[in-house]
Amino acid sequence: MYMRKKNKYSVKKVRRTLRMKSESFEPATYEVWKVSGPKSFRKYFVTKKDATAFVKRMNDTTLTIGMVKSIFNEIKYK
């Protein structure tokens, strides 16, 4: 039976206000993409493409050849 891993991350467009010393602390509003997840995890990205790529990478469950080799090497040494 195939079980699908539940996606615990969400991507949302938010507005952030930054005040920088070089701009005499005048507030500037920016639109960024917020990725939120389990255990109050938050990370911000400039583009939606970067945010969705991060979520995809965090939910990736595929094994590469290098991972399989390292698993077999550890089994062989025990």
N, C-alpha and C. Protein backbone atom coordinates (compact mmCIF):
# COMPACT_ATOMS: atom_id res chain seq x y z
N MET A 1 0.84 -1.18 0.00
CA MET A 1 0.00 0.00 0.00
C MET A 1 0.88 1.25 0.00
N TYR A 2 0.56 2.18 -0.83
CA TYR A 2 1.32 3.42 -0.97
C TYR A 2 0.75 4.47 -0.04
N MET A 3 1.60 5.02 0.83
CA MET A 3 1.15 6.09 1.72
C MET A 3 1.85 7.38 1.32
N ARG A 4 1.10 8.42 1.25
CA ARG A 4 1.64 9.72 0.86
C ARG A 4 2.01 10.50 2.11
N LYS A 5 3.17 11.14 2.07
CA LYS A 5 3.61 11.97 3.18
C LYS A 5 2.83 13.29 3.16
N LYS A 6 2.28 13.65 4.30
CA LYS A 6 1.48 14.88 4.39
C LYS A 6 2.40 16.10 4.39
N ASN A 7 2.06 17.08 3.59
CA ASN A 7 2.84 18.32 3.51
C ASN A 7 2.48 19.20 4.71
N LYS A 8 3.46 19.48 5.56
CA LYS A 8 3.23 20.29 6.75
C LYS A 8 3.63 21.74 6.56
N TYR A 9 4.03 22.11 5.35
CA TYR A 9 4.50 23.46 5.07
C TYR A 9 3.47 24.21 4.22
N SER A 10 3.36 25.52 4.45
CA SER A 10 2.47 26.34 3.64
C SER A 10 3.23 27.56 3.13
N VAL A 11 2.86 28.00 1.93
CA VAL A 11 3.49 29.16 1.29
C VAL A 11 2.43 30.25 1.17
N LYS A 12 2.80 31.46 1.61
CA LYS A 12 1.84 32.56 1.64
C LYS A 12 2.55 33.88 1.34
N LYS A 13 1.91 34.76 0.58
CA LYS A 13 2.48 36.08 0.29
C LYS A 13 2.16 37.02 1.45
N VAL A 14 3.19 37.69 1.98
CA VAL A 14 3.01 38.62 3.09
C VAL A 14 3.75 39.92 2.80
N ARG A 15 3.41 40.95 3.54
CA ARG A 15 4.11 42.24 3.43
C ARG A 15 4.95 42.44 4.69
N ARG A 16 6.19 42.81 4.50
CA ARG A 16 7.12 43.05 5.60
C ARG A 16 7.60 44.50 5.53
N THR A 17 7.77 45.11 6.68
CA THR A 17 8.27 46.47 6.75
C THR A 17 9.68 46.45 7.32
N LEU A 18 10.60 47.06 6.60
CA LEU A 18 11.99 47.14 7.04
C LEU A 18 12.40 48.59 7.22
N ARG A 19 13.21 48.83 8.23
CA ARG A 19 13.78 50.16 8.46
C ARG A 19 15.29 50.00 8.49
N MET A 20 15.94 50.67 7.55
CA MET A 20 17.39 50.54 7.47
C MET A 20 18.07 51.86 7.82
N LYS A 21 19.24 51.73 8.42
CA LYS A 21 19.99 52.90 8.84
C LYS A 21 20.39 53.75 7.64
N SER A 22 20.74 53.09 6.54
CA SER A 22 21.18 53.83 5.35
C SER A 22 20.05 54.67 4.76
N GLU A 23 18.81 54.35 5.06
CA GLU A 23 17.66 55.10 4.58
C GLU A 23 17.07 55.99 5.67
N SER A 24 17.87 56.34 6.67
CA SER A 24 17.46 57.18 7.80
C SER A 24 16.28 56.58 8.56
N PHE A 25 16.23 55.26 8.62
CA PHE A 25 15.20 54.51 9.34
C PHE A 25 13.78 54.80 8.86
N GLU A 26 13.65 55.22 7.61
CA GLU A 26 12.32 55.38 7.02
C GLU A 26 11.77 54.00 6.68
N PRO A 27 10.53 53.72 7.04
CA PRO A 27 9.99 52.38 6.76
C PRO A 27 9.75 52.14 5.27
N ALA A 28 10.09 50.95 4.82
CA ALA A 28 9.86 50.54 3.44
C ALA A 28 9.13 49.19 3.49
N THR A 29 8.08 49.06 2.72
CA THR A 29 7.28 47.83 2.72
C THR A 29 7.66 46.97 1.52
N TYR A 30 7.86 45.68 1.77
CA TYR A 30 8.23 44.72 0.74
C TYR A 30 7.26 43.56 0.76
N GLU A 31 7.01 42.99 -0.41
CA GLU A 31 6.21 41.77 -0.50
C GLU A 31 7.17 40.59 -0.60
N VAL A 32 7.03 39.63 0.31
CA VAL A 32 7.86 38.44 0.34
C VAL A 32 6.95 37.22 0.49
N TRP A 33 7.54 36.03 0.29
CA TRP A 33 6.81 34.78 0.43
C TRP A 33 7.24 34.10 1.72
N LYS A 34 6.28 33.81 2.57
CA LYS A 34 6.55 33.20 3.88
C LYS A 34 6.23 31.71 3.82
N VAL A 35 7.20 30.90 4.25
CA VAL A 35 6.99 29.46 4.37
C VAL A 35 6.89 29.18 5.86
N SER A 36 5.75 28.64 6.27
CA SER A 36 5.57 28.28 7.67
C SER A 36 5.38 26.78 7.76
N GLY A 37 5.82 26.23 8.90
CA GLY A 37 5.77 24.79 9.06
C GLY A 37 5.60 24.38 10.50
N PRO A 38 5.94 23.13 10.80
CA PRO A 38 5.76 22.62 12.15
C PRO A 38 6.70 23.28 13.15
N LYS A 39 6.29 23.27 14.41
CA LYS A 39 7.08 23.83 15.52
C LYS A 39 7.41 25.30 15.28
N SER A 40 6.43 26.07 14.87
CA SER A 40 6.53 27.52 14.59
C SER A 40 7.73 27.87 13.70
N PHE A 41 7.98 27.05 12.69
CA PHE A 41 9.03 27.29 11.70
C PHE A 41 8.57 28.38 10.74
N ARG A 42 9.44 29.37 10.47
CA ARG A 42 9.15 30.43 9.52
C ARG A 42 10.41 30.77 8.74
N LYS A 43 10.25 30.94 7.44
CA LYS A 43 11.36 31.35 6.59
C LYS A 43 10.78 32.19 5.47
N TYR A 44 11.51 33.24 5.07
CA TYR A 44 11.02 34.18 4.06
C TYR A 44 11.85 34.09 2.79
N PHE A 45 11.17 34.22 1.63
CA PHE A 45 11.83 34.15 0.33
C PHE A 45 11.38 35.32 -0.53
N VAL A 46 12.22 35.70 -1.47
CA VAL A 46 11.92 36.82 -2.35
C VAL A 46 10.95 36.40 -3.45
N THR A 47 11.08 35.18 -3.96
CA THR A 47 10.21 34.73 -5.04
C THR A 47 9.41 33.50 -4.61
N LYS A 48 8.27 33.31 -5.23
CA LYS A 48 7.44 32.13 -4.95
C LYS A 48 8.14 30.86 -5.42
N LYS A 49 8.88 30.96 -6.51
CA LYS A 49 9.60 29.81 -7.04
C LYS A 49 10.61 29.27 -6.02
N ASP A 50 11.34 30.17 -5.36
CA ASP A 50 12.29 29.76 -4.33
C ASP A 50 11.57 29.11 -3.14
N ALA A 51 10.44 29.69 -2.75
CA ALA A 51 9.69 29.15 -1.61
C ALA A 51 9.15 27.76 -1.90
N THR A 52 8.58 27.56 -3.08
CA THR A 52 8.03 26.24 -3.41
C THR A 52 9.14 25.21 -3.61
N ALA A 53 10.29 25.64 -4.13
CA ALA A 53 11.43 24.72 -4.28
C ALA A 53 11.92 24.28 -2.90
N PHE A 54 11.93 25.18 -1.93
CA PHE A 54 12.34 24.83 -0.57
C PHE A 54 11.39 23.81 0.03
N VAL A 55 10.08 24.03 -0.14
CA VAL A 55 9.08 23.09 0.39
C VAL A 55 9.22 21.73 -0.28
N LYS A 56 9.43 21.72 -1.57
CA LYS A 56 9.60 20.46 -2.29
C LYS A 56 10.83 19.72 -1.80
N ARG A 57 11.93 20.43 -1.56
CA ARG A 57 13.16 19.81 -1.07
C ARG A 57 12.98 19.26 0.35
N MET A 58 12.21 19.97 1.19
CA MET A 58 11.98 19.51 2.55
C MET A 58 11.10 18.26 2.60
N ASN A 59 10.22 18.08 1.61
CA ASN A 59 9.32 16.93 1.57
C ASN A 59 9.81 15.81 0.67
N ASP A 60 11.01 15.92 0.15
CA ASP A 60 11.54 14.92 -0.76
C ASP A 60 11.93 13.66 0.03
N THR A 61 11.40 12.52 -0.38
CA THR A 61 11.69 11.27 0.32
C THR A 61 12.40 10.26 -0.58
N THR A 62 12.91 10.69 -1.71
CA THR A 62 13.59 9.77 -2.61
C THR A 62 15.02 9.52 -2.14
N LEU A 63 15.50 8.33 -2.42
CA LEU A 63 16.87 7.96 -2.08
C LEU A 63 17.75 8.07 -3.32
N THR A 64 18.94 8.62 -3.14
CA THR A 64 19.91 8.68 -4.23
C THR A 64 20.87 7.51 -4.10
N ILE A 65 21.65 7.27 -5.14
CA ILE A 65 22.62 6.17 -5.12
C ILE A 65 23.63 6.37 -4.00
N GLY A 66 24.05 7.61 -3.78
CA GLY A 66 25.01 7.90 -2.71
C GLY A 66 24.45 7.55 -1.34
N MET A 67 23.18 7.82 -1.11
CA MET A 67 22.55 7.48 0.17
C MET A 67 22.49 5.97 0.36
N VAL A 68 22.14 5.25 -0.70
CA VAL A 68 22.05 3.79 -0.61
C VAL A 68 23.42 3.19 -0.34
N LYS A 69 24.46 3.68 -1.02
CA LYS A 69 25.81 3.18 -0.79
C LYS A 69 26.26 3.39 0.64
N SER A 70 25.98 4.59 1.21
CA SER A 70 26.40 4.85 2.58
C SER A 70 25.65 3.96 3.57
N ILE A 71 24.38 3.66 3.29
CA ILE A 71 23.63 2.74 4.17
C ILE A 71 24.23 1.35 4.12
N PHE A 72 24.54 0.85 2.91
CA PHE A 72 25.13 -0.48 2.80
C PHE A 72 26.53 -0.53 3.42
N ASN A 73 27.30 0.55 3.31
CA ASN A 73 28.62 0.57 3.93
C ASN A 73 28.51 0.49 5.45
N GLU A 74 27.55 1.17 6.03
CA GLU A 74 27.38 1.10 7.49
C GLU A 74 26.94 -0.28 7.92
N ILE A 75 26.08 -0.93 7.14
CA ILE A 75 25.63 -2.30 7.47
C ILE A 75 26.81 -3.26 7.36
N LYS A 76 27.65 -3.06 6.35
CA LYS A 76 28.79 -3.96 6.12
C LYS A 76 29.79 -3.87 7.27
N TYR A 77 29.99 -2.70 7.85
CA TYR A 77 30.98 -2.54 8.91
C TYR A 77 30.50 -3.03 10.26
N LYS A 78 29.21 -3.27 10.43
CA LYS A 78 28.69 -3.72 11.74
C LYS A 78 28.71 -5.20 11.88
